[in-house]
Amino acid sequence: MELRMTTTFPDISISTERLVLRHFEESDIPAHIEMMNDEMVVAWTSVPHPYTTAHAEEWVRRIAPAERAEGRGVVLAVTEFLTQRLVGIVHLQNTNWRTRATEIAYVTAPWARGEGYATESVLAVAQWLFRDQRFERLELRTAADNTASQQVAQKIGCISEGVLRNAWIARTQTEDGGWTDIRTDLIVWSLLPEDLEGSADQLADSGYSSFTDWN
């Protein structure tokens, strides 16, 4: 019988100039609930709605730690360096350790949008993945109408590879304030180690600092 060793990401935190990416803690639960009930998050993710305290506790205590423990990926809470408040999530998932490829997903809290935090945190994780973990491919999937998410992909230098037709269920708000499911296409993006070299220089020109401070 072939012995198969499960590979997992290390227990890490990643620092950028403005952000600290770390594992979720109990103290994140109130902000996490508020973030996951935001309209944009409900519309574009498959998060339960309404998102309750029980959902948040399950996420922080069981689901997020299991992603890393079972080798599927890693969940990082994105927090502001100065205020320590939760401003987003970066989630690596569906990791293939043989091909050194993984998929990235992210959420930005409504109180932190327009600051470039998604770009800064995703770029930091990509650099850590390629330099530190020797990964060869990062994949990202965005709903066809989710322009904010697509802008992040473009800013960090992702290449659009094509469309997965009818592959996702988004949600749209109805006139009575409820939500209804709508089928939508997904755009597939990828980032390879060589793609990052250009995007890091570009971002440096627009005021981003380097993201080399690994803990």
N, C-alpha and C. Protein backbone atom coordinates (compact mmCIF):
# COMPACT_ATOMS: atom_id res chain seq x y z
N MET A 1 0.84 -1.19 0.00
CA MET A 1 0.00 0.00 0.00
C MET A 1 0.88 1.24 0.00
N GLU A 2 0.50 2.18 -0.84
CA GLU A 2 1.30 3.40 -0.94
C GLU A 2 0.97 4.32 0.23
N LEU A 3 1.99 4.80 0.91
CA LEU A 3 1.76 5.72 2.02
C LEU A 3 1.69 7.13 1.45
N ARG A 4 0.61 7.83 1.77
CA ARG A 4 0.45 9.17 1.23
C ARG A 4 0.51 10.16 2.38
N MET A 5 1.46 11.07 2.28
CA MET A 5 1.60 12.07 3.33
C MET A 5 0.76 13.28 2.98
N THR A 6 -0.11 13.68 3.89
CA THR A 6 -0.89 14.89 3.66
C THR A 6 0.03 16.09 3.84
N THR A 7 -0.01 16.98 2.88
CA THR A 7 0.81 18.19 2.97
C THR A 7 -0.08 19.33 3.42
N THR A 8 0.45 20.18 4.28
CA THR A 8 -0.34 21.30 4.76
C THR A 8 0.48 22.58 4.71
N PHE A 9 -0.22 23.69 4.66
CA PHE A 9 0.45 24.99 4.74
C PHE A 9 0.92 25.22 6.17
N PRO A 10 2.01 25.95 6.36
CA PRO A 10 2.49 26.21 7.72
C PRO A 10 1.55 27.15 8.47
N ASP A 11 1.71 27.17 9.76
CA ASP A 11 0.94 28.07 10.63
C ASP A 11 1.62 29.44 10.56
N ILE A 12 1.07 30.34 9.75
CA ILE A 12 1.81 31.58 9.49
C ILE A 12 0.95 32.81 9.72
N SER A 13 1.63 33.95 9.83
CA SER A 13 0.97 35.23 9.60
C SER A 13 1.85 35.99 8.62
N ILE A 14 1.23 36.81 7.79
CA ILE A 14 1.93 37.57 6.76
C ILE A 14 1.66 39.04 7.01
N SER A 15 2.72 39.85 7.02
CA SER A 15 2.55 41.29 7.24
C SER A 15 2.86 42.06 5.97
N THR A 16 2.03 43.07 5.70
CA THR A 16 2.34 44.04 4.66
C THR A 16 2.49 45.38 5.36
N GLU A 17 2.61 46.45 4.59
CA GLU A 17 2.77 47.77 5.21
C GLU A 17 1.57 48.13 6.07
N ARG A 18 0.37 47.77 5.61
CA ARG A 18 -0.85 48.22 6.32
C ARG A 18 -1.63 47.10 6.98
N LEU A 19 -1.30 45.85 6.65
CA LEU A 19 -2.16 44.73 7.04
C LEU A 19 -1.39 43.61 7.72
N VAL A 20 -2.09 42.85 8.54
CA VAL A 20 -1.57 41.59 9.07
C VAL A 20 -2.58 40.51 8.70
N LEU A 21 -2.11 39.47 8.04
CA LEU A 21 -2.95 38.32 7.68
C LEU A 21 -2.60 37.20 8.64
N ARG A 22 -3.61 36.73 9.37
CA ARG A 22 -3.38 35.74 10.43
C ARG A 22 -4.59 34.82 10.52
N HIS A 23 -4.49 33.80 11.36
CA HIS A 23 -5.63 32.90 11.54
C HIS A 23 -6.75 33.61 12.32
N PHE A 24 -7.97 33.15 12.10
CA PHE A 24 -9.11 33.73 12.80
C PHE A 24 -9.03 33.46 14.30
N GLU A 25 -9.56 34.42 15.08
CA GLU A 25 -9.62 34.30 16.54
C GLU A 25 -11.06 34.55 16.99
N GLU A 26 -11.35 34.12 18.20
CA GLU A 26 -12.71 34.30 18.74
C GLU A 26 -13.14 35.78 18.70
N SER A 27 -12.19 36.67 18.94
CA SER A 27 -12.52 38.10 18.98
C SER A 27 -12.95 38.66 17.62
N ASP A 28 -12.71 37.90 16.55
CA ASP A 28 -13.11 38.35 15.21
C ASP A 28 -14.59 38.09 14.93
N ILE A 29 -15.26 37.31 15.78
CA ILE A 29 -16.61 36.83 15.45
C ILE A 29 -17.63 37.96 15.19
N PRO A 30 -17.73 39.00 16.05
CA PRO A 30 -18.73 40.04 15.77
C PRO A 30 -18.52 40.74 14.42
N ALA A 31 -17.28 41.11 14.12
CA ALA A 31 -16.99 41.78 12.84
C ALA A 31 -17.21 40.82 11.67
N HIS A 32 -16.89 39.55 11.88
CA HIS A 32 -17.08 38.55 10.83
C HIS A 32 -18.57 38.40 10.47
N ILE A 33 -19.43 38.38 11.48
CA ILE A 33 -20.87 38.27 11.24
C ILE A 33 -21.35 39.47 10.42
N GLU A 34 -20.94 40.66 10.84
CA GLU A 34 -21.35 41.88 10.14
C GLU A 34 -20.88 41.86 8.68
N MET A 35 -19.65 41.45 8.47
CA MET A 35 -19.07 41.41 7.12
C MET A 35 -19.81 40.43 6.23
N MET A 36 -20.14 39.25 6.75
CA MET A 36 -20.76 38.22 5.93
C MET A 36 -22.24 38.49 5.64
N ASN A 37 -22.84 39.41 6.36
CA ASN A 37 -24.23 39.80 6.09
C ASN A 37 -24.31 41.00 5.15
N ASP A 38 -23.17 41.53 4.73
CA ASP A 38 -23.15 42.65 3.79
C ASP A 38 -23.74 42.23 2.45
N GLU A 39 -24.45 43.13 1.80
CA GLU A 39 -25.16 42.80 0.56
C GLU A 39 -24.24 42.28 -0.55
N MET A 40 -23.08 42.90 -0.70
CA MET A 40 -22.15 42.46 -1.76
C MET A 40 -21.65 41.04 -1.49
N VAL A 41 -21.41 40.73 -0.22
CA VAL A 41 -20.92 39.40 0.14
C VAL A 41 -22.02 38.36 -0.10
N VAL A 42 -23.24 38.70 0.29
CA VAL A 42 -24.37 37.78 0.06
C VAL A 42 -24.56 37.53 -1.44
N ALA A 43 -24.45 38.60 -2.22
CA ALA A 43 -24.70 38.49 -3.66
C ALA A 43 -23.70 37.58 -4.37
N TRP A 44 -22.42 37.69 -4.02
CA TRP A 44 -21.39 37.04 -4.84
C TRP A 44 -20.77 35.79 -4.23
N THR A 45 -21.11 35.47 -2.98
CA THR A 45 -20.54 34.26 -2.37
C THR A 45 -21.66 33.28 -2.06
N SER A 46 -21.29 32.09 -1.60
CA SER A 46 -22.29 31.09 -1.23
C SER A 46 -22.47 31.03 0.28
N VAL A 47 -22.12 32.12 0.96
CA VAL A 47 -22.22 32.19 2.42
C VAL A 47 -23.69 32.03 2.85
N PRO A 48 -23.95 31.32 3.97
CA PRO A 48 -25.34 31.22 4.44
C PRO A 48 -25.94 32.60 4.71
N HIS A 49 -27.24 32.75 4.45
CA HIS A 49 -27.88 34.04 4.72
C HIS A 49 -29.24 33.81 5.33
N PRO A 50 -29.59 34.49 6.43
CA PRO A 50 -28.70 35.40 7.17
C PRO A 50 -27.56 34.64 7.87
N TYR A 51 -26.44 35.33 8.04
CA TYR A 51 -25.26 34.74 8.64
C TYR A 51 -25.33 34.98 10.15
N THR A 52 -25.41 33.90 10.91
CA THR A 52 -25.67 34.00 12.35
C THR A 52 -24.41 33.82 13.19
N THR A 53 -24.55 34.04 14.49
CA THR A 53 -23.46 33.79 15.43
C THR A 53 -23.00 32.34 15.35
N ALA A 54 -23.97 31.42 15.22
CA ALA A 54 -23.63 29.99 15.13
C ALA A 54 -22.78 29.71 13.88
N HIS A 55 -23.11 30.35 12.75
CA HIS A 55 -22.30 30.19 11.53
C HIS A 55 -20.87 30.70 11.77
N ALA A 56 -20.76 31.86 12.40
CA ALA A 56 -19.45 32.47 12.63
C ALA A 56 -18.60 31.60 13.57
N GLU A 57 -19.24 31.08 14.62
CA GLU A 57 -18.50 30.24 15.57
C GLU A 57 -18.01 28.97 14.90
N GLU A 58 -18.86 28.39 14.06
CA GLU A 58 -18.50 27.17 13.31
C GLU A 58 -17.31 27.46 12.38
N TRP A 59 -17.34 28.62 11.74
CA TRP A 59 -16.27 29.03 10.82
C TRP A 59 -14.94 29.19 11.56
N VAL A 60 -14.97 29.95 12.65
CA VAL A 60 -13.73 30.27 13.38
C VAL A 60 -13.17 29.04 14.09
N ARG A 61 -14.05 28.23 14.70
CA ARG A 61 -13.58 27.12 15.53
C ARG A 61 -13.31 25.84 14.74
N ARG A 62 -14.09 25.60 13.67
CA ARG A 62 -13.97 24.30 13.00
C ARG A 62 -13.60 24.38 11.52
N ILE A 63 -14.39 25.14 10.73
CA ILE A 63 -14.21 25.11 9.27
C ILE A 63 -12.86 25.68 8.85
N ALA A 64 -12.55 26.89 9.32
CA ALA A 64 -11.29 27.53 8.92
C ALA A 64 -10.06 26.72 9.35
N PRO A 65 -9.96 26.27 10.62
CA PRO A 65 -8.80 25.46 11.00
C PRO A 65 -8.69 24.14 10.21
N ALA A 66 -9.84 23.54 9.87
CA ALA A 66 -9.83 22.26 9.15
C ALA A 66 -9.26 22.40 7.74
N GLU A 67 -9.45 23.55 7.11
CA GLU A 67 -8.90 23.76 5.77
C GLU A 67 -7.39 23.50 5.77
N ARG A 68 -6.71 24.04 6.79
CA ARG A 68 -5.26 23.87 6.89
C ARG A 68 -4.90 22.47 7.39
N ALA A 69 -5.58 22.02 8.43
CA ALA A 69 -5.25 20.73 9.04
C ALA A 69 -5.40 19.57 8.04
N GLU A 70 -6.39 19.68 7.16
CA GLU A 70 -6.66 18.59 6.22
C GLU A 70 -5.98 18.78 4.86
N GLY A 71 -5.16 19.84 4.76
CA GLY A 71 -4.35 20.01 3.55
C GLY A 71 -5.05 20.63 2.36
N ARG A 72 -6.27 21.12 2.58
CA ARG A 72 -7.03 21.68 1.44
C ARG A 72 -6.61 23.10 1.10
N GLY A 73 -6.15 23.84 2.10
CA GLY A 73 -5.79 25.24 1.86
C GLY A 73 -5.46 25.94 3.15
N VAL A 74 -5.76 27.21 3.22
CA VAL A 74 -5.57 27.97 4.46
C VAL A 74 -6.49 29.18 4.43
N VAL A 75 -7.04 29.52 5.59
CA VAL A 75 -7.92 30.69 5.72
C VAL A 75 -7.17 31.74 6.54
N LEU A 76 -7.10 32.96 6.00
CA LEU A 76 -6.42 34.04 6.71
C LEU A 76 -7.38 35.21 6.92
N ALA A 77 -7.45 35.66 8.16
CA ALA A 77 -8.20 36.88 8.48
C ALA A 77 -7.30 38.06 8.12
N VAL A 78 -7.85 39.01 7.37
CA VAL A 78 -7.09 40.21 6.99
C VAL A 78 -7.44 41.29 8.01
N THR A 79 -6.41 41.80 8.72
CA THR A 79 -6.65 42.80 9.76
C THR A 79 -5.78 44.03 9.52
N GLU A 80 -6.28 45.17 9.94
CA GLU A 80 -5.49 46.40 9.83
C GLU A 80 -4.38 46.38 10.86
N PHE A 81 -3.19 46.71 10.44
CA PHE A 81 -2.04 46.71 11.33
C PHE A 81 -2.25 47.69 12.49
N LEU A 82 -2.77 48.88 12.20
CA LEU A 82 -2.87 49.91 13.24
C LEU A 82 -4.05 49.69 14.18
N THR A 83 -5.22 49.33 13.64
CA THR A 83 -6.41 49.23 14.47
C THR A 83 -6.71 47.80 14.92
N GLN A 84 -6.05 46.80 14.31
CA GLN A 84 -6.28 45.38 14.57
C GLN A 84 -7.65 44.89 14.11
N ARG A 85 -8.46 45.77 13.50
CA ARG A 85 -9.82 45.33 13.15
C ARG A 85 -9.81 44.43 11.92
N LEU A 86 -10.80 43.56 11.86
CA LEU A 86 -10.97 42.65 10.73
C LEU A 86 -11.46 43.44 9.52
N VAL A 87 -10.76 43.30 8.39
CA VAL A 87 -11.18 44.03 7.18
C VAL A 87 -11.40 43.10 5.99
N GLY A 88 -11.15 41.80 6.16
CA GLY A 88 -11.38 40.90 5.04
C GLY A 88 -10.94 39.48 5.33
N ILE A 89 -11.05 38.65 4.30
CA ILE A 89 -10.63 37.25 4.36
C ILE A 89 -9.89 36.93 3.07
N VAL A 90 -8.82 36.16 3.18
CA VAL A 90 -8.21 35.53 2.01
C VAL A 90 -8.22 34.03 2.26
N HIS A 91 -8.73 33.28 1.30
CA HIS A 91 -8.93 31.84 1.49
C HIS A 91 -8.28 31.09 0.33
N LEU A 92 -7.28 30.28 0.64
CA LEU A 92 -6.72 29.36 -0.36
C LEU A 92 -7.46 28.04 -0.24
N GLN A 93 -7.92 27.50 -1.37
CA GLN A 93 -8.76 26.29 -1.33
C GLN A 93 -8.46 25.40 -2.53
N ASN A 94 -8.98 24.17 -2.46
CA ASN A 94 -8.82 23.20 -3.56
C ASN A 94 -7.35 23.04 -3.97
N THR A 95 -6.48 22.96 -2.97
CA THR A 95 -5.04 22.90 -3.24
C THR A 95 -4.63 21.54 -3.79
N ASN A 96 -3.81 21.55 -4.82
CA ASN A 96 -3.25 20.32 -5.39
C ASN A 96 -1.74 20.33 -5.12
N TRP A 97 -1.33 19.49 -4.17
CA TRP A 97 0.08 19.53 -3.74
C TRP A 97 1.02 18.94 -4.78
N ARG A 98 0.52 18.08 -5.64
CA ARG A 98 1.38 17.50 -6.67
C ARG A 98 1.72 18.53 -7.75
N THR A 99 0.70 19.27 -8.17
CA THR A 99 0.95 20.29 -9.22
C THR A 99 1.35 21.64 -8.62
N ARG A 100 1.36 21.75 -7.29
CA ARG A 100 1.66 23.01 -6.59
C ARG A 100 0.76 24.12 -7.13
N ALA A 101 -0.54 23.85 -7.10
CA ALA A 101 -1.53 24.82 -7.58
C ALA A 101 -2.63 24.95 -6.54
N THR A 102 -3.19 26.15 -6.42
CA THR A 102 -4.28 26.36 -5.48
C THR A 102 -5.17 27.48 -6.00
N GLU A 103 -6.36 27.58 -5.40
CA GLU A 103 -7.33 28.59 -5.82
C GLU A 103 -7.49 29.61 -4.70
N ILE A 104 -7.59 30.88 -5.05
CA ILE A 104 -7.71 31.93 -4.04
C ILE A 104 -9.09 32.58 -4.14
N ALA A 105 -9.66 32.88 -2.97
CA ALA A 105 -10.92 33.62 -2.90
C ALA A 105 -10.74 34.68 -1.82
N TYR A 106 -11.49 35.77 -1.93
CA TYR A 106 -11.32 36.85 -0.95
C TYR A 106 -12.61 37.61 -0.76
N VAL A 107 -12.74 38.19 0.42
CA VAL A 107 -13.88 39.02 0.78
C VAL A 107 -13.32 40.27 1.44
N THR A 108 -13.90 41.43 1.13
CA THR A 108 -13.50 42.67 1.81
C THR A 108 -14.70 43.19 2.59
N ALA A 109 -14.47 43.60 3.83
CA ALA A 109 -15.55 44.14 4.66
C ALA A 109 -16.05 45.46 4.08
N PRO A 110 -17.35 45.74 4.21
CA PRO A 110 -17.90 46.98 3.65
C PRO A 110 -17.22 48.23 4.20
N TRP A 111 -16.77 48.19 5.48
CA TRP A 111 -16.13 49.36 6.07
C TRP A 111 -14.68 49.55 5.62
N ALA A 112 -14.20 48.65 4.79
CA ALA A 112 -12.79 48.74 4.39
C ALA A 112 -12.62 48.79 2.86
N ARG A 113 -13.72 48.98 2.13
CA ARG A 113 -13.62 48.98 0.67
C ARG A 113 -13.05 50.29 0.15
N GLY A 114 -12.42 50.21 -1.02
CA GLY A 114 -11.86 51.41 -1.63
C GLY A 114 -10.48 51.76 -1.12
N GLU A 115 -9.91 50.91 -0.24
CA GLU A 115 -8.59 51.17 0.33
C GLU A 115 -7.48 50.39 -0.38
N GLY A 116 -7.87 49.50 -1.28
CA GLY A 116 -6.87 48.65 -1.94
C GLY A 116 -6.43 47.46 -1.10
N TYR A 117 -7.20 47.15 -0.05
CA TYR A 117 -6.81 46.08 0.86
C TYR A 117 -6.86 44.70 0.18
N ALA A 118 -7.86 44.47 -0.67
CA ALA A 118 -7.96 43.17 -1.33
C ALA A 118 -6.72 42.94 -2.19
N THR A 119 -6.36 43.96 -2.98
CA THR A 119 -5.17 43.85 -3.84
C THR A 119 -3.92 43.60 -3.01
N GLU A 120 -3.77 44.36 -1.93
CA GLU A 120 -2.57 44.25 -1.09
C GLU A 120 -2.46 42.87 -0.44
N SER A 121 -3.60 42.36 0.06
CA SER A 121 -3.55 41.07 0.77
C SER A 121 -3.38 39.91 -0.20
N VAL A 122 -4.08 39.95 -1.35
CA VAL A 122 -3.97 38.86 -2.32
C VAL A 122 -2.57 38.82 -2.91
N LEU A 123 -2.00 39.98 -3.19
CA LEU A 123 -0.64 40.03 -3.73
C LEU A 123 0.36 39.48 -2.71
N ALA A 124 0.17 39.83 -1.44
CA ALA A 124 1.08 39.33 -0.39
C ALA A 124 1.02 37.81 -0.30
N VAL A 125 -0.19 37.26 -0.36
CA VAL A 125 -0.35 35.80 -0.29
C VAL A 125 0.26 35.14 -1.52
N ALA A 126 0.06 35.75 -2.69
CA ALA A 126 0.63 35.19 -3.93
C ALA A 126 2.15 35.16 -3.85
N GLN A 127 2.75 36.24 -3.36
CA GLN A 127 4.21 36.28 -3.26
C GLN A 127 4.72 35.24 -2.27
N TRP A 128 4.02 35.09 -1.15
CA TRP A 128 4.41 34.08 -0.17
C TRP A 128 4.29 32.68 -0.76
N LEU A 129 3.21 32.44 -1.50
CA LEU A 129 2.98 31.13 -2.13
C LEU A 129 4.09 30.76 -3.10
N PHE A 130 4.44 31.71 -3.96
CA PHE A 130 5.41 31.43 -5.02
C PHE A 130 6.85 31.39 -4.48
N ARG A 131 7.19 32.30 -3.58
CA ARG A 131 8.58 32.39 -3.11
C ARG A 131 8.87 31.41 -1.98
N ASP A 132 7.94 31.34 -1.05
CA ASP A 132 8.17 30.59 0.17
C ASP A 132 7.73 29.14 0.05
N GLN A 133 6.59 28.93 -0.62
CA GLN A 133 5.99 27.60 -0.71
C GLN A 133 6.26 26.93 -2.06
N ARG A 134 6.94 27.65 -2.95
CA ARG A 134 7.33 27.11 -4.26
C ARG A 134 6.12 26.63 -5.08
N PHE A 135 5.01 27.38 -4.97
CA PHE A 135 3.85 27.04 -5.79
C PHE A 135 4.06 27.54 -7.22
N GLU A 136 3.33 26.93 -8.17
CA GLU A 136 3.53 27.23 -9.58
C GLU A 136 2.30 27.84 -10.25
N ARG A 137 1.16 27.81 -9.55
CA ARG A 137 -0.06 28.34 -10.16
C ARG A 137 -1.06 28.76 -9.08
N LEU A 138 -1.63 29.95 -9.27
CA LEU A 138 -2.70 30.44 -8.41
C LEU A 138 -3.90 30.73 -9.30
N GLU A 139 -5.04 30.16 -8.96
CA GLU A 139 -6.24 30.34 -9.79
C GLU A 139 -7.28 31.14 -9.03
N LEU A 140 -8.04 31.90 -9.78
CA LEU A 140 -9.06 32.76 -9.21
C LEU A 140 -10.29 32.69 -10.10
N ARG A 141 -11.46 32.60 -9.50
CA ARG A 141 -12.70 32.55 -10.28
C ARG A 141 -13.60 33.69 -9.83
N THR A 142 -14.06 34.49 -10.78
CA THR A 142 -14.92 35.62 -10.44
C THR A 142 -16.22 35.51 -11.22
N ALA A 143 -17.34 35.81 -10.56
CA ALA A 143 -18.63 35.83 -11.26
C ALA A 143 -18.57 36.90 -12.35
N ALA A 144 -19.29 36.62 -13.43
CA ALA A 144 -19.19 37.46 -14.64
C ALA A 144 -19.47 38.94 -14.37
N ASP A 145 -20.37 39.26 -13.44
CA ASP A 145 -20.72 40.66 -13.19
C ASP A 145 -20.03 41.25 -11.97
N ASN A 146 -19.16 40.48 -11.35
CA ASN A 146 -18.48 40.97 -10.14
C ASN A 146 -17.24 41.78 -10.53
N THR A 147 -17.48 43.02 -10.95
CA THR A 147 -16.39 43.84 -11.50
C THR A 147 -15.33 44.19 -10.45
N ALA A 148 -15.75 44.36 -9.19
CA ALA A 148 -14.78 44.71 -8.14
C ALA A 148 -13.74 43.60 -7.98
N SER A 149 -14.20 42.36 -7.99
CA SER A 149 -13.29 41.23 -7.86
C SER A 149 -12.39 41.10 -9.09
N GLN A 150 -12.94 41.38 -10.25
CA GLN A 150 -12.14 41.31 -11.48
C GLN A 150 -11.04 42.38 -11.51
N GLN A 151 -11.34 43.55 -10.94
CA GLN A 151 -10.32 44.60 -10.89
C GLN A 151 -9.12 44.19 -10.04
N VAL A 152 -9.41 43.48 -8.95
CA VAL A 152 -8.32 42.97 -8.10
C VAL A 152 -7.45 42.01 -8.91
N ALA A 153 -8.09 41.10 -9.63
CA ALA A 153 -7.36 40.12 -10.45
C ALA A 153 -6.46 40.83 -11.46
N GLN A 154 -7.00 41.86 -12.10
CA GLN A 154 -6.22 42.59 -13.11
C GLN A 154 -5.06 43.35 -12.47
N LYS A 155 -5.31 43.97 -11.31
CA LYS A 155 -4.27 44.77 -10.64
C LYS A 155 -3.06 43.94 -10.25
N ILE A 156 -3.29 42.69 -9.83
CA ILE A 156 -2.15 41.88 -9.39
C ILE A 156 -1.49 41.14 -10.55
N GLY A 157 -2.03 41.33 -11.76
CA GLY A 157 -1.37 40.75 -12.94
C GLY A 157 -1.91 39.42 -13.40
N CYS A 158 -3.11 39.04 -12.93
CA CYS A 158 -3.70 37.77 -13.38
C CYS A 158 -4.03 37.81 -14.87
N ILE A 159 -3.98 36.66 -15.49
CA ILE A 159 -4.35 36.49 -16.89
C ILE A 159 -5.72 35.82 -16.93
N SER A 160 -6.64 36.39 -17.71
CA SER A 160 -7.95 35.78 -17.88
C SER A 160 -7.82 34.61 -18.85
N GLU A 161 -8.27 33.42 -18.42
CA GLU A 161 -8.08 32.21 -19.22
C GLU A 161 -9.34 31.75 -19.95
N GLY A 162 -10.48 32.25 -19.54
CA GLY A 162 -11.70 31.81 -20.21
C GLY A 162 -12.90 31.85 -19.30
N VAL A 163 -14.01 31.34 -19.81
CA VAL A 163 -15.28 31.41 -19.09
C VAL A 163 -15.80 30.01 -18.81
N LEU A 164 -16.24 29.79 -17.57
CA LEU A 164 -16.95 28.57 -17.22
C LEU A 164 -18.44 28.92 -17.28
N ARG A 165 -19.13 28.43 -18.29
CA ARG A 165 -20.50 28.86 -18.52
C ARG A 165 -21.45 28.27 -17.49
N ASN A 166 -22.31 29.14 -16.96
CA ASN A 166 -23.40 28.69 -16.08
C ASN A 166 -22.89 27.96 -14.84
N ALA A 167 -21.70 28.33 -14.37
CA ALA A 167 -21.01 27.50 -13.37
C ALA A 167 -21.22 27.95 -11.93
N TRP A 168 -21.92 29.06 -11.71
CA TRP A 168 -22.02 29.60 -10.36
C TRP A 168 -23.44 30.05 -10.09
N ILE A 169 -23.83 30.03 -8.83
CA ILE A 169 -25.11 30.60 -8.44
C ILE A 169 -24.84 31.83 -7.60
N ALA A 170 -25.18 32.99 -8.16
CA ALA A 170 -25.10 34.25 -7.41
C ALA A 170 -26.48 34.53 -6.84
N ARG A 171 -26.61 35.63 -6.09
CA ARG A 171 -27.92 35.99 -5.54
C ARG A 171 -28.22 37.44 -5.87
N THR A 172 -29.48 37.72 -6.11
CA THR A 172 -29.89 39.10 -6.38
C THR A 172 -31.05 39.44 -5.47
N GLN A 173 -31.10 40.72 -5.07
CA GLN A 173 -32.14 41.12 -4.13
C GLN A 173 -33.46 41.37 -4.87
N THR A 174 -34.54 40.91 -4.28
CA THR A 174 -35.86 41.11 -4.87
C THR A 174 -36.47 42.40 -4.31
N GLU A 175 -37.58 42.83 -4.90
CA GLU A 175 -38.19 44.10 -4.50
C GLU A 175 -38.63 44.10 -3.04
N ASP A 176 -39.00 42.92 -2.54
CA ASP A 176 -39.44 42.88 -1.14
C ASP A 176 -38.28 42.73 -0.16
N GLY A 177 -37.04 42.84 -0.66
CA GLY A 177 -35.88 42.80 0.22
C GLY A 177 -35.32 41.40 0.45
N GLY A 178 -35.96 40.38 -0.12
CA GLY A 178 -35.42 39.03 -0.01
C GLY A 178 -34.34 38.78 -1.05
N TRP A 179 -33.90 37.54 -1.12
CA TRP A 179 -32.84 37.19 -2.08
C TRP A 179 -33.30 36.03 -2.95
N THR A 180 -32.92 36.06 -4.21
CA THR A 180 -33.23 34.94 -5.10
C THR A 180 -31.96 34.52 -5.85
N ASP A 181 -31.84 33.22 -6.10
CA ASP A 181 -30.65 32.69 -6.80
C ASP A 181 -30.71 32.98 -8.29
N ILE A 182 -29.55 33.33 -8.87
CA ILE A 182 -29.44 33.47 -10.33
C ILE A 182 -28.19 32.74 -10.81
N ARG A 183 -28.32 32.01 -11.90
CA ARG A 183 -27.16 31.31 -12.46
C ARG A 183 -26.31 32.31 -13.22
N THR A 184 -24.99 32.11 -13.15
CA THR A 184 -24.09 33.04 -13.83
C THR A 184 -22.83 32.32 -14.29
N ASP A 185 -22.12 32.94 -15.21
CA ASP A 185 -20.84 32.40 -15.67
C ASP A 185 -19.74 32.78 -14.68
N LEU A 186 -18.66 32.01 -14.69
CA LEU A 186 -17.45 32.35 -13.93
C LEU A 186 -16.32 32.64 -14.90
N ILE A 187 -15.56 33.69 -14.63
CA ILE A 187 -14.34 33.95 -15.38
C ILE A 187 -13.18 33.33 -14.61
N VAL A 188 -12.35 32.57 -15.30
CA VAL A 188 -11.19 31.92 -14.67
C VAL A 188 -9.95 32.77 -14.95
N TRP A 189 -9.23 33.09 -13.89
CA TRP A 189 -7.98 33.86 -13.97
C TRP A 189 -6.85 33.00 -13.39
N SER A 190 -5.64 33.25 -13.84
CA SER A 190 -4.51 32.56 -13.22
C SER A 190 -3.34 33.51 -13.06
N LEU A 191 -2.52 33.17 -12.08
CA LEU A 191 -1.30 33.92 -11.82
C LEU A 191 -0.18 32.89 -11.68
N LEU A 192 0.90 33.08 -12.42
CA LEU A 192 2.07 32.23 -12.33
C LEU A 192 3.22 33.04 -11.74
N PRO A 193 4.27 32.38 -11.24
CA PRO A 193 5.36 33.14 -10.62
C PRO A 193 5.91 34.25 -11.52
N GLU A 194 6.05 33.97 -12.82
CA GLU A 194 6.63 35.00 -13.70
C GLU A 194 5.70 36.19 -13.92
N ASP A 195 4.39 35.99 -13.74
CA ASP A 195 3.44 37.10 -13.90
C ASP A 195 3.61 38.14 -12.79
N LEU A 196 4.09 37.69 -11.63
CA LEU A 196 4.18 38.59 -10.47
C LEU A 196 5.26 39.63 -10.63
N GLU A 197 6.32 39.29 -11.33
CA GLU A 197 7.45 40.21 -11.41
C GLU A 197 7.02 41.57 -11.95
N GLY A 198 6.19 41.54 -13.00
CA GLY A 198 5.71 42.79 -13.57
C GLY A 198 4.75 43.53 -12.65
N SER A 199 3.83 42.79 -12.02
CA SER A 199 2.80 43.46 -11.23
C SER A 199 3.39 44.09 -9.96
N ALA A 200 4.42 43.50 -9.39
CA ALA A 200 5.02 44.08 -8.18
C ALA A 200 5.64 45.44 -8.49
N ASP A 201 6.32 45.54 -9.64
CA ASP A 201 6.92 46.82 -10.04
C ASP A 201 5.83 47.87 -10.27
N GLN A 202 4.78 47.44 -10.96
CA GLN A 202 3.66 48.34 -11.27
C GLN A 202 3.05 48.90 -9.99
N LEU A 203 2.81 48.02 -9.02
CA LEU A 203 2.19 48.46 -7.78
C LEU A 203 3.12 49.35 -6.97
N ALA A 204 4.42 49.08 -7.06
CA ALA A 204 5.38 49.93 -6.35
C ALA A 204 5.29 51.36 -6.88
N ASP A 205 5.11 51.48 -8.20
CA ASP A 205 4.98 52.80 -8.81
C ASP A 205 3.74 53.53 -8.32
N SER A 206 2.69 52.78 -7.99
CA SER A 206 1.45 53.43 -7.55
C SER A 206 1.36 53.51 -6.03
N GLY A 207 2.50 53.41 -5.34
CA GLY A 207 2.53 53.69 -3.91
C GLY A 207 2.48 52.49 -2.99
N TYR A 208 2.47 51.28 -3.53
CA TYR A 208 2.52 50.10 -2.67
C TYR A 208 3.97 49.81 -2.31
N SER A 209 4.17 49.35 -1.08
CA SER A 209 5.54 48.99 -0.70
C SER A 209 5.77 47.52 -1.01
N SER A 210 6.93 47.04 -0.70
CA SER A 210 7.21 45.62 -0.98
C SER A 210 6.54 44.74 0.07
N PHE A 211 6.30 43.50 -0.29
CA PHE A 211 5.57 42.58 0.59
C PHE A 211 6.47 41.44 0.99
N THR A 212 7.61 41.76 1.56
CA THR A 212 8.59 40.68 1.80
C THR A 212 8.72 40.34 3.28
N ASP A 213 7.85 40.92 4.10
CA ASP A 213 8.00 40.72 5.55
C ASP A 213 7.23 39.51 6.04
N TRP A 214 7.81 38.31 5.85
CA TRP A 214 7.12 37.10 6.30
C TRP A 214 7.44 36.84 7.77
N ASN A 215 6.44 36.41 8.49
CA ASN A 215 6.68 36.00 9.89
C ASN A 215 6.80 34.50 9.95
